[in-house]
Amino acid sequence: MQLYKTIAKRYPELKAVLMRANMAMNPEEYVKETVFSAVFASLALVFIIFMFTKSFYVFLFFPILVVVLFFYMVNRAYFRIKKLEKMIAREVVFAGRFLIIELESGIPLYNTFENIGFNYRYVGIYFSDIVEKVRLGTSIDDAINDTIEICPSDNLRKLLWQVLNSINTGANIGSALNSVLENIVREQNIAMKEFGNKLNPMAMFYMMIAVIIPSLGVTMLIVFSSFMNIHISLLILIILALAIGFMQFMFLMMIKNSRPNVDF
C-alpha cells in the first residue's frame, strides 16, 4: 500500500536496521505490522479506559494514542539490536577462545565456524550465516564481509575483521585473535568497575525514592486523613500501591539495564 511505502521512505536507514536486528522483513512490511499493532493496542487501551469511565470522550484520544504508540513501536527494531548486542557481549569472549582452540587443534576454519554456530546461541547466528553462505557458493571472504555489515556487535565485528584480515594476509589467526580478545576483556573489566562505582549511589537513591519516601508518604497520608476526617477509598489505595510498585520496577530495570552484559 502506498501509505506504508510513504512512511517507510521517512526512515531511509530502516532496511539496514532490520538486517542488523535479524528481522526477515522489508521496510514496508515492518511499517505495516507496526501500524496494525499501534491501532489494535490503542483500541484495547481506549476500551479498557471506557469500561472504567463510561465516557465516550475517551475515544477522542484514539488517534493520539495511535500516533504515540506507532512512534514507540517503530523503534522495536532498535530495541532488538540492543538486546542482540547485549547477548552477543556475553558470549563473544568465550566464542573467540573457542575459535582459537579449535584452529590450534588443526580443525579447518569452515568446520570451526560450524561448531561455533552449534554451541553459541547468539554469536552462533552469525557464524551459521557465514557457513550457510559458503555452502551456497559464496567465498568465505565475501561471506564474512557480508556478516560484518549486518552484525550489531562492535566486538564481534572486530573479531570477524581480524579473521578476515588474517585470511587475506596469511597471518596466524590465533595470535591476532588473542590480542583482540585481550582488548575486549580489558574493556569489559573497565565497564564492570564503572558499574561498581555507580551502584552504591544508585542503591541509596533507590532506598530513598522507592522505599522510604513511599512508605512514609502512605503512612502520613493515612494519619492526616484520619485526623482531618477525609475518606480514602480502596481505589485510591490500589492506585497508590500500583504507582509505588511501578516506580520500584522501573528503578530495578534501570539498575539491571545499566549493568554491563559480561559473564566471567
C-alpha atoms as a PDB file:
ATOM      1  CA  MET A   1       0.000   0.000   0.000  1.00  0.00           C
ATOM      2  CA  GLN A   2       1.212   3.495  -0.849  1.00  0.00           C
ATOM      3  CA  LEU A   3       0.767   4.730   2.746  1.00  0.00           C
ATOM      4  CA  TYR A   4       3.241   2.168   4.123  1.00  0.00           C
ATOM      5  CA  LYS A   5       5.767   2.926   1.380  1.00  0.00           C
ATOM      6  CA  THR A   6       5.500   6.658   2.111  1.00  0.00           C
ATOM      7  CA  ILE A   7       6.072   6.108   5.832  1.00  0.00           C
ATOM      8  CA  ALA A   8       8.956   3.696   5.149  1.00  0.00           C
ATOM      9  CA  LYS A   9      10.684   6.313   2.970  1.00  0.00           C
ATOM     10  CA  ARG A  10      10.848   8.593   6.017  1.00  0.00           C
ATOM     11  CA  TYR A  11      13.168   6.000   7.614  1.00  0.00           C
ATOM     12  CA  PRO A  12      15.893   5.520   4.962  1.00  0.00           C
ATOM     13  CA  GLU A  13      18.083   3.525   7.349  1.00  0.00           C
ATOM     14  CA  LEU A  14      15.271   1.073   8.185  1.00  0.00           C
ATOM     15  CA  LYS A  15      16.393  -1.637   5.743  1.00  0.00           C
ATOM     16  CA  ALA A  16      19.884  -1.796   7.276  1.00  0.00           C
ATOM     17  CA  VAL A  17      18.420  -1.650  10.784  1.00  0.00           C
ATOM     18  CA  LEU A  18      16.115  -4.610  10.067  1.00  0.00           C
ATOM     19  CA  MET A  19      19.070  -6.609   8.752  1.00  0.00           C
ATOM     20  CA  ARG A  20      21.106  -5.849  11.893  1.00  0.00           C
ATOM     21  CA  ALA A  21      18.092  -6.753  14.045  1.00  0.00           C
ATOM     22  CA  ASN A  22      17.875 -10.116  12.240  1.00  0.00           C
ATOM     23  CA  MET A  23      14.250  -9.409  11.270  1.00  0.00           C
ATOM     24  CA  ALA A  24      13.302 -11.094   7.995  1.00  0.00           C
ATOM     25  CA  MET A  25      11.009  -8.429   6.514  1.00  0.00           C
ATOM     26  CA  ASN A  26      11.267  -5.419   4.243  1.00  0.00           C
ATOM     27  CA  PRO A  27      10.632  -1.842   5.483  1.00  0.00           C
ATOM     28  CA  GLU A  28       7.073  -1.730   4.059  1.00  0.00           C
ATOM     29  CA  GLU A  29       6.095  -4.954   5.870  1.00  0.00           C
ATOM     30  CA  TYR A  30       7.673  -3.676   9.074  1.00  0.00           C
ATOM     31  CA  VAL A  31       5.765  -0.370   8.884  1.00  0.00           C
ATOM     32  CA  LYS A  32       2.512  -2.205   8.095  1.00  0.00           C
ATOM     33  CA  GLU A  33       2.956  -4.514  11.092  1.00  0.00           C
ATOM     34  CA  THR A  34       3.788  -1.539  13.323  1.00  0.00           C
ATOM     35  CA  VAL A  35       0.697   0.410  12.196  1.00  0.00           C
ATOM     36  CA  PHE A  36      -1.594  -2.562  12.861  1.00  0.00           C
ATOM     37  CA  SER A  37      -0.004  -3.151  16.285  1.00  0.00           C
ATOM     38  CA  ALA A  38      -0.419   0.531  17.207  1.00  0.00           C
ATOM     39  CA  VAL A  39      -4.082   0.561  16.094  1.00  0.00           C
ATOM     40  CA  PHE A  40      -5.042  -2.610  17.972  1.00  0.00           C
ATOM     41  CA  ALA A  41      -3.128  -1.587  21.118  1.00  0.00           C
ATOM     42  CA  SER A  42      -4.814   1.840  21.047  1.00  0.00           C
ATOM     43  CA  LEU A  43      -8.255   0.247  20.648  1.00  0.00           C
ATOM     44  CA  ALA A  44      -7.595  -2.059  23.586  1.00  0.00           C
ATOM     45  CA  LEU A  45      -6.447   0.821  25.808  1.00  0.00           C
ATOM     46  CA  VAL A  46      -9.406   3.015  24.841  1.00  0.00           C
ATOM     47  CA  PHE A  47     -11.925   0.248  25.566  1.00  0.00           C
ATOM     48  CA  ILE A  48     -10.309  -0.555  28.924  1.00  0.00           C
ATOM     49  CA  ILE A  49     -10.448   3.119  29.948  1.00  0.00           C
ATOM     50  CA  PHE A  50     -14.040   3.353  28.656  1.00  0.00           C
ATOM     51  CA  MET A  51     -15.080   0.397  30.824  1.00  0.00           C
ATOM     52  CA  PHE A  52     -13.910   2.296  33.909  1.00  0.00           C
ATOM     53  CA  THR A  53     -15.023   5.821  32.987  1.00  0.00           C
ATOM     54  CA  LYS A  54     -18.153   5.092  30.896  1.00  0.00           C
ATOM     55  CA  SER A  55     -17.342   8.264  28.977  1.00  0.00           C
ATOM     56  CA  PHE A  56     -17.364   8.352  25.180  1.00  0.00           C
ATOM     57  CA  TYR A  57     -14.885  11.240  25.257  1.00  0.00           C
ATOM     58  CA  VAL A  58     -12.050   8.736  25.716  1.00  0.00           C
ATOM     59  CA  PHE A  59     -12.479   7.744  22.050  1.00  0.00           C
ATOM     60  CA  LEU A  60     -11.291  11.231  21.099  1.00  0.00           C
ATOM     61  CA  PHE A  61      -7.834  10.199  22.317  1.00  0.00           C
ATOM     62  CA  PHE A  62      -7.731   7.203  19.951  1.00  0.00           C
ATOM     63  CA  PRO A  63      -5.894   8.986  17.067  1.00  0.00           C
ATOM     64  CA  ILE A  64      -3.371  10.486  19.502  1.00  0.00           C
ATOM     65  CA  LEU A  65      -2.733   7.069  21.047  1.00  0.00           C
ATOM     66  CA  VAL A  66      -2.224   5.521  17.602  1.00  0.00           C
ATOM     67  CA  VAL A  67       0.409   8.123  16.689  1.00  0.00           C
ATOM     68  CA  VAL A  68       2.199   7.891  20.056  1.00  0.00           C
ATOM     69  CA  LEU A  69       2.259   4.087  20.045  1.00  0.00           C
ATOM     70  CA  PHE A  70       3.398   3.989  16.417  1.00  0.00           C
ATOM     71  CA  PHE A  71       6.424   6.184  17.132  1.00  0.00           C
ATOM     72  CA  TYR A  72       7.216   3.982  20.132  1.00  0.00           C
ATOM     73  CA  MET A  73       6.696   0.641  18.374  1.00  0.00           C
ATOM     74  CA  VAL A  74       8.588   1.640  15.234  1.00  0.00           C
ATOM     75  CA  ASN A  75      11.723   1.617  17.396  1.00  0.00           C
ATOM     76  CA  ARG A  76      11.347  -2.032  18.372  1.00  0.00           C
ATOM     77  CA  ALA A  77      13.964  -3.000  15.756  1.00  0.00           C
ATOM     78  CA  TYR A  78      16.440  -0.735  17.567  1.00  0.00           C
ATOM     79  CA  PHE A  79      15.460  -2.359  20.882  1.00  0.00           C
ATOM     80  CA  ARG A  80      16.069  -5.773  19.338  1.00  0.00           C
ATOM     81  CA  ILE A  81      19.508  -4.652  18.138  1.00  0.00           C
ATOM     82  CA  LYS A  82      20.356  -3.514  21.668  1.00  0.00           C
ATOM     83  CA  LYS A  83      19.209  -6.859  23.056  1.00  0.00           C
ATOM     84  CA  LEU A  84      21.234  -8.799  20.480  1.00  0.00           C
ATOM     85  CA  GLU A  85      24.269  -6.638  21.212  1.00  0.00           C
ATOM     86  CA  LYS A  86      23.983  -7.391  24.930  1.00  0.00           C
ATOM     87  CA  MET A  87      23.517 -11.120  24.400  1.00  0.00           C
ATOM     88  CA  ILE A  88      26.459 -11.267  21.986  1.00  0.00           C
ATOM     89  CA  ALA A  89      28.619  -9.411  24.538  1.00  0.00           C
ATOM     90  CA  ARG A  90      28.047 -12.286  26.977  1.00  0.00           C
ATOM     91  CA  GLU A  91      29.320 -14.876  24.508  1.00  0.00           C
ATOM     92  CA  VAL A  92      31.879 -13.160  22.303  1.00  0.00           C
ATOM     93  CA  VAL A  93      34.930 -13.762  24.534  1.00  0.00           C
ATOM     94  CA  PHE A  94      34.112 -17.448  25.040  1.00  0.00           C
ATOM     95  CA  ALA A  95      33.350 -17.891  21.340  1.00  0.00           C
ATOM     96  CA  GLY A  96      36.659 -16.209  20.468  1.00  0.00           C
ATOM     97  CA  ARG A  97      38.606 -18.510  22.772  1.00  0.00           C
ATOM     98  CA  PHE A  98      36.722 -21.493  21.372  1.00  0.00           C
ATOM     99  CA  LEU A  99      37.692 -20.348  17.866  1.00  0.00           C
ATOM    100  CA  ILE A 100      41.376 -20.135  18.822  1.00  0.00           C
ATOM    101  CA  ILE A 101      41.377 -23.582  20.492  1.00  0.00           C
ATOM    102  CA  GLU A 102      39.664 -25.198  17.510  1.00  0.00           C
ATOM    103  CA  LEU A 103      42.081 -23.661  14.995  1.00  0.00           C
ATOM    104  CA  GLU A 104      45.138 -24.550  17.090  1.00  0.00           C
ATOM    105  CA  SER A 105      43.819 -28.127  17.230  1.00  0.00           C
ATOM    106  CA  GLY A 106      44.047 -28.300  13.442  1.00  0.00           C
ATOM    107  CA  ILE A 107      40.321 -28.059  12.692  1.00  0.00           C
ATOM    108  CA  PRO A 108      39.584 -26.212   9.409  1.00  0.00           C
ATOM    109  CA  LEU A 109      38.101 -22.724   9.633  1.00  0.00           C
ATOM    110  CA  TYR A 110      34.831 -23.792   7.971  1.00  0.00           C
ATOM    111  CA  ASN A 111      34.264 -26.600  10.496  1.00  0.00           C
ATOM    112  CA  THR A 112      35.222 -24.279  13.340  1.00  0.00           C
ATOM    113  CA  PHE A 113      32.542 -21.815  12.245  1.00  0.00           C
ATOM    114  CA  GLU A 114      30.050 -24.717  12.105  1.00  0.00           C
ATOM    115  CA  ASN A 115      30.928 -25.725  15.677  1.00  0.00           C
ATOM    116  CA  ILE A 116      30.573 -22.148  16.963  1.00  0.00           C
ATOM    117  CA  GLY A 117      27.187 -21.896  15.252  1.00  0.00           C
ATOM    118  CA  PHE A 118      26.108 -25.068  17.026  1.00  0.00           C
ATOM    119  CA  ASN A 119      27.467 -24.203  20.503  1.00  0.00           C
ATOM    120  CA  TYR A 120      26.642 -20.497  20.938  1.00  0.00           C
ATOM    121  CA  ARG A 121      23.078 -19.252  20.740  1.00  0.00           C
ATOM    122  CA  TYR A 122      23.600 -15.606  19.737  1.00  0.00           C
ATOM    123  CA  VAL A 123      27.140 -15.437  18.368  1.00  0.00           C
ATOM    124  CA  GLY A 124      26.364 -18.677  16.566  1.00  0.00           C
ATOM    125  CA  ILE A 125      23.671 -16.962  14.466  1.00  0.00           C
ATOM    126  CA  TYR A 126      26.322 -15.022  12.549  1.00  0.00           C
ATOM    127  CA  PHE A 127      28.802 -17.879  12.205  1.00  0.00           C
ATOM    128  CA  SER A 128      25.999 -20.142  10.965  1.00  0.00           C
ATOM    129  CA  ASP A 129      25.095 -17.430   8.451  1.00  0.00           C
ATOM    130  CA  ILE A 130      28.681 -17.470   7.144  1.00  0.00           C
ATOM    131  CA  VAL A 131      28.611 -21.279   6.898  1.00  0.00           C
ATOM    132  CA  GLU A 132      25.304 -21.217   5.007  1.00  0.00           C
ATOM    133  CA  LYS A 133      26.576 -18.634   2.506  1.00  0.00           C
ATOM    134  CA  VAL A 134      29.774 -20.617   1.894  1.00  0.00           C
ATOM    135  CA  ARG A 135      27.710 -23.778   1.402  1.00  0.00           C
ATOM    136  CA  LEU A 136      25.682 -21.955  -1.262  1.00  0.00           C
ATOM    137  CA  GLY A 137      28.831 -20.989  -3.176  1.00  0.00           C
ATOM    138  CA  THR A 138      29.926 -17.641  -1.703  1.00  0.00           C
ATOM    139  CA  SER A 139      33.638 -17.317  -0.939  1.00  0.00           C
ATOM    140  CA  ILE A 140      34.438 -17.290   2.761  1.00  0.00           C
ATOM    141  CA  ASP A 141      35.931 -13.774   2.456  1.00  0.00           C
ATOM    142  CA  ASP A 142      32.717 -12.369   0.977  1.00  0.00           C
ATOM    143  CA  ALA A 143      30.574 -14.300   3.469  1.00  0.00           C
ATOM    144  CA  ILE A 144      32.499 -12.845   6.422  1.00  0.00           C
ATOM    145  CA  ASN A 145      32.335  -9.372   4.864  1.00  0.00           C
ATOM    146  CA  ASP A 146      28.557  -9.604   4.429  1.00  0.00           C
ATOM    147  CA  THR A 147      28.116 -10.765   8.025  1.00  0.00           C
ATOM    148  CA  ILE A 148      30.272  -7.916   9.338  1.00  0.00           C
ATOM    149  CA  GLU A 149      27.908  -5.437   7.667  1.00  0.00           C
ATOM    150  CA  ILE A 150      24.802  -6.798   9.436  1.00  0.00           C
ATOM    151  CA  CYS A 151      26.384  -7.665  12.794  1.00  0.00           C
ATOM    152  CA  PRO A 152      25.063  -5.419  15.625  1.00  0.00           C
ATOM    153  CA  SER A 153      28.016  -6.007  17.974  1.00  0.00           C
ATOM    154  CA  ASP A 154      31.209  -3.954  17.670  1.00  0.00           C
ATOM    155  CA  ASN A 155      33.203  -6.635  19.484  1.00  0.00           C
ATOM    156  CA  LEU A 156      32.051  -9.423  17.190  1.00  0.00           C
ATOM    157  CA  ARG A 157      32.789  -7.226  14.167  1.00  0.00           C
ATOM    158  CA  LYS A 158      36.341  -6.723  15.479  1.00  0.00           C
ATOM    159  CA  LEU A 159      36.697 -10.490  15.829  1.00  0.00           C
ATOM    160  CA  LEU A 160      35.436 -11.169  12.305  1.00  0.00           C
ATOM    161  CA  TRP A 161      37.545  -8.347  10.838  1.00  0.00           C
ATOM    162  CA  GLN A 162      40.627  -9.895  12.394  1.00  0.00           C
ATOM    163  CA  VAL A 163      39.752 -13.306  10.959  1.00  0.00           C
ATOM    164  CA  LEU A 164      39.184 -11.723   7.530  1.00  0.00           C
ATOM    165  CA  ASN A 165      42.467  -9.778   7.654  1.00  0.00           C
ATOM    166  CA  SER A 166      44.358 -12.898   8.688  1.00  0.00           C
ATOM    167  CA  ILE A 167      42.846 -14.849   5.776  1.00  0.00           C
ATOM    168  CA  ASN A 168      43.767 -12.115   3.287  1.00  0.00           C
ATOM    169  CA  THR A 169      47.305 -11.588   4.599  1.00  0.00           C
ATOM    170  CA  GLY A 170      48.074 -15.192   5.508  1.00  0.00           C
ATOM    171  CA  ALA A 171      48.895 -14.235   9.103  1.00  0.00           C
ATOM    172  CA  ASN A 172      48.376 -16.539  12.062  1.00  0.00           C
ATOM    173  CA  ILE A 173      44.727 -16.201  13.116  1.00  0.00           C
ATOM    174  CA  GLY A 174      45.287 -17.407  16.683  1.00  0.00           C
ATOM    175  CA  SER A 175      47.819 -14.752  17.724  1.00  0.00           C
ATOM    176  CA  ALA A 176      45.797 -11.994  16.037  1.00  0.00           C
ATOM    177  CA  LEU A 177      42.599 -13.080  17.796  1.00  0.00           C
ATOM    178  CA  ASN A 178      44.361 -13.234  21.163  1.00  0.00           C
ATOM    179  CA  SER A 179      45.190  -9.528  21.017  1.00  0.00           C
ATOM    180  CA  VAL A 180      41.590  -8.677  20.041  1.00  0.00           C
ATOM    181  CA  LEU A 181      40.191 -10.767  22.903  1.00  0.00           C
ATOM    182  CA  GLU A 182      42.575  -9.140  25.382  1.00  0.00           C
ATOM    183  CA  ASN A 183      41.276  -5.709  24.356  1.00  0.00           C
ATOM    184  CA  ILE A 184      37.653  -6.866  24.658  1.00  0.00           C
ATOM    185  CA  VAL A 185      38.249  -8.330  28.134  1.00  0.00           C
ATOM    186  CA  ARG A 186      40.036  -5.133  29.196  1.00  0.00           C
ATOM    187  CA  GLU A 187      37.082  -3.029  28.034  1.00  0.00           C
ATOM    188  CA  GLN A 188      34.657  -5.325  29.870  1.00  0.00           C
ATOM    189  CA  ASN A 189      36.678  -5.050  33.088  1.00  0.00           C
ATOM    190  CA  ILE A 190      36.645  -1.253  32.856  1.00  0.00           C
ATOM    191  CA  ALA A 191      32.870  -1.306  32.271  1.00  0.00           C
ATOM    192  CA  MET A 192      32.342  -3.517  35.348  1.00  0.00           C
ATOM    193  CA  LYS A 193      34.456  -1.212  37.529  1.00  0.00           C
ATOM    194  CA  GLU A 194      32.488   1.815  36.340  1.00  0.00           C
ATOM    195  CA  PHE A 195      29.236  -0.014  37.108  1.00  0.00           C
ATOM    196  CA  GLY A 196      30.502  -0.864  40.607  1.00  0.00           C
ATOM    197  CA  ASN A 197      31.282   2.808  41.239  1.00  0.00           C
ATOM    198  CA  LYS A 198      27.752   3.799  40.178  1.00  0.00           C
ATOM    199  CA  LEU A 199      25.991   1.012  42.082  1.00  0.00           C
ATOM    200  CA  ASN A 200      26.254   2.394  45.637  1.00  0.00           C
ATOM    201  CA  PRO A 201      24.710   5.821  44.848  1.00  0.00           C
ATOM    202  CA  MET A 202      22.007   4.118  42.773  1.00  0.00           C
ATOM    203  CA  ALA A 203      21.168   1.733  45.630  1.00  0.00           C
ATOM    204  CA  MET A 204      20.933   4.622  48.102  1.00  0.00           C
ATOM    205  CA  PHE A 205      18.756   6.609  45.681  1.00  0.00           C
ATOM    206  CA  TYR A 206      16.527   3.547  45.256  1.00  0.00           C
ATOM    207  CA  MET A 207      16.135   3.173  49.028  1.00  0.00           C
ATOM    208  CA  MET A 208      15.182   6.834  49.377  1.00  0.00           C
ATOM    209  CA  ILE A 209      12.856   7.285  46.403  1.00  0.00           C
ATOM    210  CA  ALA A 210      11.338   3.826  46.001  1.00  0.00           C
ATOM    211  CA  VAL A 211      11.192   2.551  49.602  1.00  0.00           C
ATOM    212  CA  ILE A 212      11.486   5.162  52.354  1.00  0.00           C
ATOM    213  CA  ILE A 213       9.559   8.089  50.825  1.00  0.00           C
ATOM    214  CA  PRO A 214       6.594   5.957  49.587  1.00  0.00           C
ATOM    215  CA  SER A 215       6.338   4.131  52.929  1.00  0.00           C
ATOM    216  CA  LEU A 216       6.449   7.323  54.988  1.00  0.00           C
ATOM    217  CA  GLY A 217       4.200   9.112  52.489  1.00  0.00           C
ATOM    218  CA  VAL A 218       1.445   6.497  52.678  1.00  0.00           C
ATOM    219  CA  THR A 219       1.700   6.375  56.481  1.00  0.00           C
ATOM    220  CA  MET A 220       1.449  10.170  56.771  1.00  0.00           C
ATOM    221  CA  LEU A 221      -1.469  10.202  54.307  1.00  0.00           C
ATOM    222  CA  ILE A 222      -3.413   7.706  56.422  1.00  0.00           C
ATOM    223  CA  VAL A 223      -2.643   9.591  59.658  1.00  0.00           C
ATOM    224  CA  PHE A 224      -3.637  13.005  58.246  1.00  0.00           C
ATOM    225  CA  SER A 225      -6.787  11.609  56.640  1.00  0.00           C
ATOM    226  CA  SER A 226      -7.916  10.150  59.967  1.00  0.00           C
ATOM    227  CA  PHE A 227      -7.268  13.458  61.777  1.00  0.00           C
ATOM    228  CA  MET A 228      -8.984  15.560  59.110  1.00  0.00           C
ATOM    229  CA  ASN A 229     -11.810  13.055  58.628  1.00  0.00           C
ATOM    230  CA  ILE A 230     -11.021  12.546  54.929  1.00  0.00           C
ATOM    231  CA  HIS A 231     -12.222   9.296  53.430  1.00  0.00           C
ATOM    232  CA  ILE A 232      -9.644   7.386  51.387  1.00  0.00           C
ATOM    233  CA  SER A 233     -11.296   4.819  49.149  1.00  0.00           C
ATOM    234  CA  LEU A 234      -9.897   1.403  48.320  1.00  0.00           C
ATOM    235  CA  LEU A 235      -9.423   2.528  44.701  1.00  0.00           C
ATOM    236  CA  ILE A 236      -7.051   5.320  45.789  1.00  0.00           C
ATOM    237  CA  LEU A 237      -5.005   2.871  47.878  1.00  0.00           C
ATOM    238  CA  ILE A 238      -4.843   0.426  44.962  1.00  0.00           C
ATOM    239  CA  ILE A 239      -3.698   3.218  42.618  1.00  0.00           C
ATOM    240  CA  LEU A 240      -1.029   4.261  45.158  1.00  0.00           C
ATOM    241  CA  ALA A 241       0.159   0.656  45.513  1.00  0.00           C
ATOM    242  CA  LEU A 242       0.350   0.245  41.733  1.00  0.00           C
ATOM    243  CA  ALA A 243       2.219   3.557  41.370  1.00  0.00           C
ATOM    244  CA  ILE A 244       4.752   2.563  44.047  1.00  0.00           C
ATOM    245  CA  GLY A 245       5.153  -0.896  42.507  1.00  0.00           C
ATOM    246  CA  PHE A 246       5.681   0.638  39.062  1.00  0.00           C
ATOM    247  CA  MET A 247       8.269   3.057  40.468  1.00  0.00           C
ATOM    248  CA  GLN A 248      10.191   0.222  42.123  1.00  0.00           C
ATOM    249  CA  PHE A 249      10.008  -1.886  38.968  1.00  0.00           C
ATOM    250  CA  MET A 250      11.362   0.988  36.848  1.00  0.00           C
ATOM    251  CA  PHE A 251      14.198   1.553  39.306  1.00  0.00           C
ATOM    252  CA  LEU A 252      15.172  -2.124  39.287  1.00  0.00           C
ATOM    253  CA  MET A 253      15.026  -2.222  35.482  1.00  0.00           C
ATOM    254  CA  MET A 254      17.212   0.887  35.322  1.00  0.00           C
ATOM    255  CA  ILE A 255      19.815  -0.788  37.541  1.00  0.00           C
ATOM    256  CA  LYS A 256      19.592  -4.027  35.546  1.00  0.00           C
ATOM    257  CA  ASN A 257      19.953  -2.255  32.187  1.00  0.00           C
ATOM    258  CA  SER A 258      22.936  -0.223  33.372  1.00  0.00           C
ATOM    259  CA  ARG A 259      24.833  -3.408  34.260  1.00  0.00           C
ATOM    260  CA  PRO A 260      27.359  -4.428  31.588  1.00  0.00           C
ATOM    261  CA  ASN A 261      26.439  -7.726  29.960  1.00  0.00           C
ATOM    262  CA  VAL A 262      29.596  -9.545  30.920  1.00  0.00           C
ATOM    263  CA  ASP A 263      29.962 -13.129  32.119  1.00  0.00           C
ATOM    264  CA  PHE A 264      33.276 -14.048  33.706  1.00  0.00           C
END
